[in-house]
PDB file of all heavy atoms in Angstrom:
ATOM      1  N   ASN A   1      99.180 105.488 108.508  1.00  0.00           N
ATOM      2  CA  ASN A   1     100.164 104.424 108.692  1.00  0.00           C
ATOM      3  C   ASN A   1     101.538 105.030 108.891  1.00  0.00           C
ATOM      4  O   ASN A   1     101.901 105.986 108.190  1.00  0.00           O
ATOM      5  CB  ASN A   1     100.195 103.488 107.478  1.00  0.00           C
ATOM      6  CG  ASN A   1      98.892 102.742 107.284  1.00  0.00           C
ATOM      7  OD1 ASN A   1      98.662 101.694 107.883  1.00  0.00           O
ATOM      8  ND2 ASN A   1      98.015 103.288 106.442  1.00  0.00           N
ATOM      9  N   THR A   2     102.304 104.462 109.803  1.00  0.00           N
ATOM     10  CA  THR A   2     103.663 104.961 110.035  1.00  0.00           C
ATOM     11  C   THR A   2     104.534 104.732 108.813  1.00  0.00           C
ATOM     12  O   THR A   2     105.308 105.605 108.395  1.00  0.00           O
ATOM     13  CB  THR A   2     104.290 104.268 111.252  1.00  0.00           C
ATOM     14  OG1 THR A   2     103.450 104.445 112.378  1.00  0.00           O
ATOM     15  CG2 THR A   2     105.670 104.856 111.558  1.00  0.00           C
ATOM     16  N   TYR A   3     104.390 103.552 108.227  1.00  0.00           N
ATOM     17  CA  TYR A   3     105.174 103.168 107.047  1.00  0.00           C
ATOM     18  C   TYR A   3     104.215 102.800 105.924  1.00  0.00           C
ATOM     19  O   TYR A   3     102.995 102.754 106.113  1.00  0.00           O
ATOM     20  CB  TYR A   3     106.111 102.013 107.372  1.00  0.00           C
ATOM     21  CG  TYR A   3     107.125 102.340 108.449  1.00  0.00           C
ATOM     22  CD1 TYR A   3     106.942 101.909 109.755  1.00  0.00           C
ATOM     23  CD2 TYR A   3     108.243 103.098 108.158  1.00  0.00           C
ATOM     24  CE1 TYR A   3     107.861 102.213 110.753  1.00  0.00           C
ATOM     25  CE2 TYR A   3     109.169 103.421 109.130  1.00  0.00           C
ATOM     26  CZ  TYR A   3     108.976 102.982 110.440  1.00  0.00           C
ATOM     27  OH  TYR A   3     109.888 103.298 111.410  1.00  0.00           O
ATOM     28  N   LEU A   4     104.737 102.514 104.759  1.00  0.00           N
ATOM     29  CA  LEU A   4     103.867 102.320 103.604  1.00  0.00           C
ATOM     30  C   LEU A   4     102.887 101.165 103.768  1.00  0.00           C
ATOM     31  O   LEU A   4     101.737 101.256 103.350  1.00  0.00           O
ATOM     32  CB  LEU A   4     104.718 102.099 102.342  1.00  0.00           C
ATOM     33  CG  LEU A   4     105.315 103.358 101.726  1.00  0.00           C
ATOM     34  CD1 LEU A   4     106.237 102.999 100.574  1.00  0.00           C
ATOM     35  CD2 LEU A   4     104.215 104.298 101.252  1.00  0.00           C
ATOM     36  N   ALA A   5     103.343 100.070 104.361  1.00  0.00           N
ATOM     37  CA  ALA A   5     102.493  98.890 104.469  1.00  0.00           C
ATOM     38  C   ALA A   5     101.907  98.706 105.857  1.00  0.00           C
ATOM     39  O   ALA A   5     101.414  97.627 106.179  1.00  0.00           O
ATOM     40  CB  ALA A   5     103.255  97.646 104.041  1.00  0.00           C
ATOM     41  N   GLY A   6     101.964  99.724 106.681  1.00  0.00           N
ATOM     42  CA  GLY A   6     101.427  99.613 108.029  1.00  0.00           C
ATOM     43  C   GLY A   6     102.331 100.245 109.067  1.00  0.00           C
ATOM     44  O   GLY A   6     102.976 101.264 108.809  1.00  0.00           O
ATOM     45  N   ASP A   7     102.406  99.627 110.225  1.00  0.00           N
ATOM     46  CA  ASP A   7     103.172 100.193 111.330  1.00  0.00           C
ATOM     47  C   ASP A   7     104.583  99.639 111.425  1.00  0.00           C
ATOM     48  O   ASP A   7     105.328 100.006 112.335  1.00  0.00           O
ATOM     49  CB  ASP A   7     102.440  99.944 112.655  1.00  0.00           C
ATOM     50  CG  ASP A   7     101.140 100.739 112.731  1.00  0.00           C
ATOM     51  OD1 ASP A   7     101.091 101.843 112.141  1.00  0.00           O
ATOM     52  OD2 ASP A   7     100.175 100.260 113.362  1.00  0.00           O
ATOM     53  N   GLU A   8     104.958  98.749 110.507  1.00  0.00           N
ATOM     54  CA  GLU A   8     106.304  98.177 110.511  1.00  0.00           C
ATOM     55  C   GLU A   8     107.072  98.581 109.264  1.00  0.00           C
ATOM     56  O   GLU A   8     106.527  98.637 108.155  1.00  0.00           O
ATOM     57  CB  GLU A   8     106.238  96.647 110.604  1.00  0.00           C
ATOM     58  CG  GLU A   8     105.676  96.121 111.920  1.00  0.00           C
ATOM     59  CD  GLU A   8     105.774  94.617 112.010  1.00  0.00           C
ATOM     60  OE1 GLU A   8     106.385  93.989 111.117  1.00  0.00           O
ATOM     61  OE2 GLU A   8     105.215  94.051 112.981  1.00  0.00           O
ATOM     62  N   TYR A   9     108.334  98.863 109.457  1.00  0.00           N
ATOM     63  CA  TYR A   9     109.271  99.163 108.370  1.00  0.00           C
ATOM     64  C   TYR A   9     109.549  97.877 107.603  1.00  0.00           C
ATOM     65  O   TYR A   9     109.862  96.839 108.190  1.00  0.00           O
ATOM     66  CB  TYR A   9     110.546  99.719 108.989  1.00  0.00           C
ATOM     67  CG  TYR A   9     111.708  99.987 108.071  1.00  0.00           C
ATOM     68  CD1 TYR A   9     111.699 101.061 107.192  1.00  0.00           C
ATOM     69  CD2 TYR A   9     112.845  99.179 108.128  1.00  0.00           C
ATOM     70  CE1 TYR A   9     112.792 101.333 106.390  1.00  0.00           C
ATOM     71  CE2 TYR A   9     113.946  99.441 107.330  1.00  0.00           C
ATOM     72  CZ  TYR A   9     113.920 100.518 106.463  1.00  0.00           C
ATOM     73  OH  TYR A   9     115.006 100.766 105.671  1.00  0.00           O
ATOM     74  N   THR A  10     109.414  97.925 106.273  1.00  0.00           N
ATOM     75  CA  THR A  10     109.560  96.731 105.453  1.00  0.00           C
ATOM     76  C   THR A  10     110.300  97.024 104.163  1.00  0.00           C
ATOM     77  O   THR A  10     110.704  98.160 103.897  1.00  0.00           O
ATOM     78  CB  THR A  10     108.173  96.153 105.091  1.00  0.00           C
ATOM     79  OG1 THR A  10     107.525  97.056 104.163  1.00  0.00           O
ATOM     80  CG2 THR A  10     107.299  95.954 106.319  1.00  0.00           C
ATOM     81  N   ILE A  11     110.408  95.990 103.343  1.00  0.00           N
ATOM     82  CA  ILE A  11     111.053  96.156 102.039  1.00  0.00           C
ATOM     83  C   ILE A  11     110.284  97.120 101.143  1.00  0.00           C
ATOM     84  O   ILE A  11     110.860  97.673 100.198  1.00  0.00           O
ATOM     85  CB  ILE A  11     111.263  94.809 101.325  1.00  0.00           C
ATOM     86  CG1 ILE A  11     109.929  94.078 101.107  1.00  0.00           C
ATOM     87  CG2 ILE A  11     112.252  93.948 102.099  1.00  0.00           C
ATOM     88  CD1 ILE A  11     110.059  92.817 100.266  1.00  0.00           C
ATOM     89  N   ALA A  12     109.007  97.363 101.424  1.00  0.00           N
ATOM     90  CA  ALA A  12     108.264  98.355 100.636  1.00  0.00           C
ATOM     91  C   ALA A  12     108.860  99.744 100.831  1.00  0.00           C
ATOM     92  O   ALA A  12     108.994 100.529  99.873  1.00  0.00           O
ATOM     93  CB  ALA A  12     106.780  98.342 101.034  1.00  0.00           C
ATOM     94  N   ASP A  13     109.233 100.073 102.060  1.00  0.00           N
ATOM     95  CA  ASP A  13     109.865 101.367 102.336  1.00  0.00           C
ATOM     96  C   ASP A  13     111.266 101.437 101.740  1.00  0.00           C
ATOM     97  O   ASP A  13     111.662 102.458 101.174  1.00  0.00           O
ATOM     98  CB  ASP A  13     109.929 101.586 103.851  1.00  0.00           C
ATOM     99  CG  ASP A  13     108.559 101.507 104.506  1.00  0.00           C
ATOM    100  OD1 ASP A  13     107.753 102.433 104.300  1.00  0.00           O
ATOM    101  OD2 ASP A  13     108.290 100.498 105.205  1.00  0.00           O
ATOM    102  N   ILE A  14     112.006 100.340 101.879  1.00  0.00           N
ATOM    103  CA  ILE A  14     113.375 100.301 101.336  1.00  0.00           C
ATOM    104  C   ILE A  14     113.353 100.490  99.828  1.00  0.00           C
ATOM    105  O   ILE A  14     114.213 101.173  99.261  1.00  0.00           O
ATOM    106  CB  ILE A  14     114.055  98.977 101.726  1.00  0.00           C
ATOM    107  CG1 ILE A  14     114.288  98.918 103.234  1.00  0.00           C
ATOM    108  CG2 ILE A  14     115.369  98.805 100.974  1.00  0.00           C
ATOM    109  CD1 ILE A  14     114.823  97.585 103.724  1.00  0.00           C
ATOM    110  N   SER A  15     112.371  99.908  99.177  1.00  0.00           N
ATOM    111  CA  SER A  15     112.279 100.012  97.725  1.00  0.00           C
ATOM    112  C   SER A  15     111.918 101.419  97.259  1.00  0.00           C
ATOM    113  O   SER A  15     112.415 101.880  96.219  1.00  0.00           O
ATOM    114  CB  SER A  15     111.223  99.020  97.215  1.00  0.00           C
ATOM    115  OG  SER A  15     111.096  99.071  95.816  1.00  0.00           O
ATOM    116  N   THR A  16     111.093 102.096  98.036  1.00  0.00           N
ATOM    117  CA  THR A  16     110.519 103.373  97.578  1.00  0.00           C
ATOM    118  C   THR A  16     111.337 104.590  97.991  1.00  0.00           C
ATOM    119  O   THR A  16     111.442 105.564  97.228  1.00  0.00           O
ATOM    120  CB  THR A  16     109.072 103.508  98.126  1.00  0.00           C
ATOM    121  OG1 THR A  16     108.354 102.302  97.834  1.00  0.00           O
ATOM    122  CG2 THR A  16     108.360 104.681  97.498  1.00  0.00           C
ATOM    123  N   TRP A  17     111.920 104.573  99.168  1.00  0.00           N
ATOM    124  CA  TRP A  17     112.613 105.746  99.689  1.00  0.00           C
ATOM    125  C   TRP A  17     113.739 106.260  98.784  1.00  0.00           C
ATOM    126  O   TRP A  17     113.833 107.485  98.564  1.00  0.00           O
ATOM    127  CB  TRP A  17     113.137 105.462 101.090  1.00  0.00           C
ATOM    128  CG  TRP A  17     113.848 106.625 101.711  1.00  0.00           C
ATOM    129  CD1 TRP A  17     113.297 107.762 102.228  1.00  0.00           C
ATOM    130  CD2 TRP A  17     115.265 106.767 101.873  1.00  0.00           C
ATOM    131  NE1 TRP A  17     114.271 108.602 102.709  1.00  0.00           N
ATOM    132  CE2 TRP A  17     115.494 108.023 102.505  1.00  0.00           C
ATOM    133  CE3 TRP A  17     116.357 105.961 101.563  1.00  0.00           C
ATOM    134  CZ2 TRP A  17     116.774 108.478 102.805  1.00  0.00           C
ATOM    135  CZ3 TRP A  17     117.633 106.410 101.866  1.00  0.00           C
ATOM    136  CH2 TRP A  17     117.833 107.665 102.476  1.00  0.00           C
ATOM    137  N   PRO A  18     114.599 105.384  98.215  1.00  0.00           N
ATOM    138  CA  PRO A  18     115.677 105.923  97.378  1.00  0.00           C
ATOM    139  C   PRO A  18     115.187 106.710  96.173  1.00  0.00           C
ATOM    140  O   PRO A  18     115.900 107.587  95.670  1.00  0.00           O
ATOM    141  CB  PRO A  18     116.445 104.669  96.949  1.00  0.00           C
ATOM    142  CG  PRO A  18     116.145 103.661  98.002  1.00  0.00           C
ATOM    143  CD  PRO A  18     114.720 103.934  98.384  1.00  0.00           C
ATOM    144  N   TRP A  19     113.973 106.416  95.708  1.00  0.00           N
ATOM    145  CA  TRP A  19     113.409 107.174  94.597  1.00  0.00           C
ATOM    146  C   TRP A  19     112.792 108.485  95.082  1.00  0.00           C
ATOM    147  O   TRP A  19     113.084 109.553  94.522  1.00  0.00           O
ATOM    148  CB  TRP A  19     112.357 106.340  93.871  1.00  0.00           C
ATOM    149  CG  TRP A  19     112.951 105.377  92.883  1.00  0.00           C
ATOM    150  CD1 TRP A  19     113.112 104.028  93.041  1.00  0.00           C
ATOM    151  CD2 TRP A  19     113.482 105.699  91.597  1.00  0.00           C
ATOM    152  NE1 TRP A  19     113.713 103.496  91.929  1.00  0.00           N
ATOM    153  CE2 TRP A  19     113.949 104.501  91.030  1.00  0.00           C
ATOM    154  CE3 TRP A  19     113.610 106.879  90.882  1.00  0.00           C
ATOM    155  CZ2 TRP A  19     114.537 104.447  89.758  1.00  0.00           C
ATOM    156  CZ3 TRP A  19     114.198 106.841  89.622  1.00  0.00           C
ATOM    157  CH2 TRP A  19     114.650 105.629  89.076  1.00  0.00           C
ATOM    158  N   VAL A  20     111.957 108.421  96.091  1.00  0.00           N
ATOM    159  CA  VAL A  20     111.233 109.628  96.512  1.00  0.00           C
ATOM    160  C   VAL A  20     112.195 110.695  97.024  1.00  0.00           C
ATOM    161  O   VAL A  20     111.942 111.899  96.850  1.00  0.00           O
ATOM    162  CB  VAL A  20     110.175 109.273  97.570  1.00  0.00           C
ATOM    163  CG1 VAL A  20     109.413 110.521  98.008  1.00  0.00           C
ATOM    164  CG2 VAL A  20     109.192 108.239  97.018  1.00  0.00           C
ATOM    165  N   ARG A  21     113.290 110.281  97.630  1.00  0.00           N
ATOM    166  CA  ARG A  21     114.227 111.251  98.190  1.00  0.00           C
ATOM    167  C   ARG A  21     114.847 112.152  97.125  1.00  0.00           C
ATOM    168  O   ARG A  21     115.369 113.223  97.442  1.00  0.00           O
ATOM    169  CB  ARG A  21     115.342 110.544  98.997  1.00  0.00           C
ATOM    170  CG  ARG A  21     116.235 109.665  98.157  1.00  0.00           C
ATOM    171  CD  ARG A  21     117.308 108.957  98.992  1.00  0.00           C
ATOM    172  NE  ARG A  21     118.335 109.886  99.436  1.00  0.00           N
ATOM    173  CZ  ARG A  21     119.430 110.169  98.728  1.00  0.00           C
ATOM    174  NH1 ARG A  21     119.624 109.619  97.529  1.00  0.00           N
ATOM    175  NH2 ARG A  21     120.318 111.011  99.190  1.00  0.00           N
ATOM    176  N   ILE A  22     114.824 111.741  95.846  1.00  0.00           N
ATOM    177  CA  ILE A  22     115.410 112.557  94.779  1.00  0.00           C
ATOM    178  C   ILE A  22     114.327 113.292  93.979  1.00  0.00           C
ATOM    179  O   ILE A  22     114.528 113.609  92.811  1.00  0.00           O
ATOM    180  CB  ILE A  22     116.296 111.716  93.838  1.00  0.00           C
ATOM    181  CG1 ILE A  22     115.476 110.650  93.109  1.00  0.00           C
ATOM    182  CG2 ILE A  22     117.449 111.075  94.610  1.00  0.00           C
ATOM    183  CD1 ILE A  22     116.211 110.043  91.914  1.00  0.00           C
ATOM    184  N   HIS A  23     113.197 113.566  94.631  1.00  0.00           N
ATOM    185  CA  HIS A  23     112.083 114.202  93.928  1.00  0.00           C
ATOM    186  C   HIS A  23     112.481 115.520  93.282  1.00  0.00           C
ATOM    187  O   HIS A  23     111.986 115.871  92.199  1.00  0.00           O
ATOM    188  CB  HIS A  23     110.912 114.408  94.885  1.00  0.00           C
ATOM    189  CG  HIS A  23     111.210 115.348  96.011  1.00  0.00           C
ATOM    190  ND1 HIS A  23     110.968 116.698  95.929  1.00  0.00           N
ATOM    191  CD2 HIS A  23     111.744 115.130  97.245  1.00  0.00           C
ATOM    192  CE1 HIS A  23     111.330 117.273  97.051  1.00  0.00           C
ATOM    193  NE2 HIS A  23     111.804 116.349  97.879  1.00  0.00           N
ATOM    194  N   GLU A  24     113.369 116.278  93.914  1.00  0.00           N
ATOM    195  CA  GLU A  24     113.767 117.567  93.342  1.00  0.00           C
ATOM    196  C   GLU A  24     114.506 117.365  92.024  1.00  0.00           C
ATOM    197  O   GLU A  24     114.363 118.154  91.088  1.00  0.00           O
ATOM    198  CB  GLU A  24     114.650 118.328  94.322  1.00  0.00           C
ATOM    199  CG  GLU A  24     113.905 118.836  95.553  1.00  0.00           C
ATOM    200  CD  GLU A  24     114.799 119.659  96.471  1.00  0.00           C
ATOM    201  OE1 GLU A  24     116.020 119.716  96.215  1.00  0.00           O
ATOM    202  OE2 GLU A  24     114.283 120.231  97.443  1.00  0.00           O
ATOM    203  N   TRP A  25     115.319 116.299  91.938  1.00  0.00           N
ATOM    204  CA  TRP A  25     116.057 116.021  90.713  1.00  0.00           C
ATOM    205  C   TRP A  25     115.086 115.702  89.568  1.00  0.00           C
ATOM    206  O   TRP A  25     115.365 116.004  88.416  1.00  0.00           O
ATOM    207  CB  TRP A  25     117.029 114.868  90.939  1.00  0.00           C
ATOM    208  CG  TRP A  25     117.946 114.617  89.787  1.00  0.00           C
ATOM    209  CD1 TRP A  25     117.912 113.575  88.911  1.00  0.00           C
ATOM    210  CD2 TRP A  25     119.045 115.436  89.372  1.00  0.00           C
ATOM    211  NE1 TRP A  25     118.905 113.695  87.977  1.00  0.00           N
ATOM    212  CE2 TRP A  25     119.622 114.829  88.231  1.00  0.00           C
ATOM    213  CE3 TRP A  25     119.598 116.639  89.849  1.00  0.00           C
ATOM    214  CZ2 TRP A  25     120.725 115.374  87.582  1.00  0.00           C
ATOM    215  CZ3 TRP A  25     120.700 117.180  89.192  1.00  0.00           C
ATOM    216  CH2 TRP A  25     121.246 116.549  88.077  1.00  0.00           C
TER     217      TRP A  25
END
């Protein structure tokens, strides 16, 4: 899948990205 819930960018991606991007922290 391109995005978390399929092929469209959605609030699922918006919700998750700010957390995953700080994985090193």
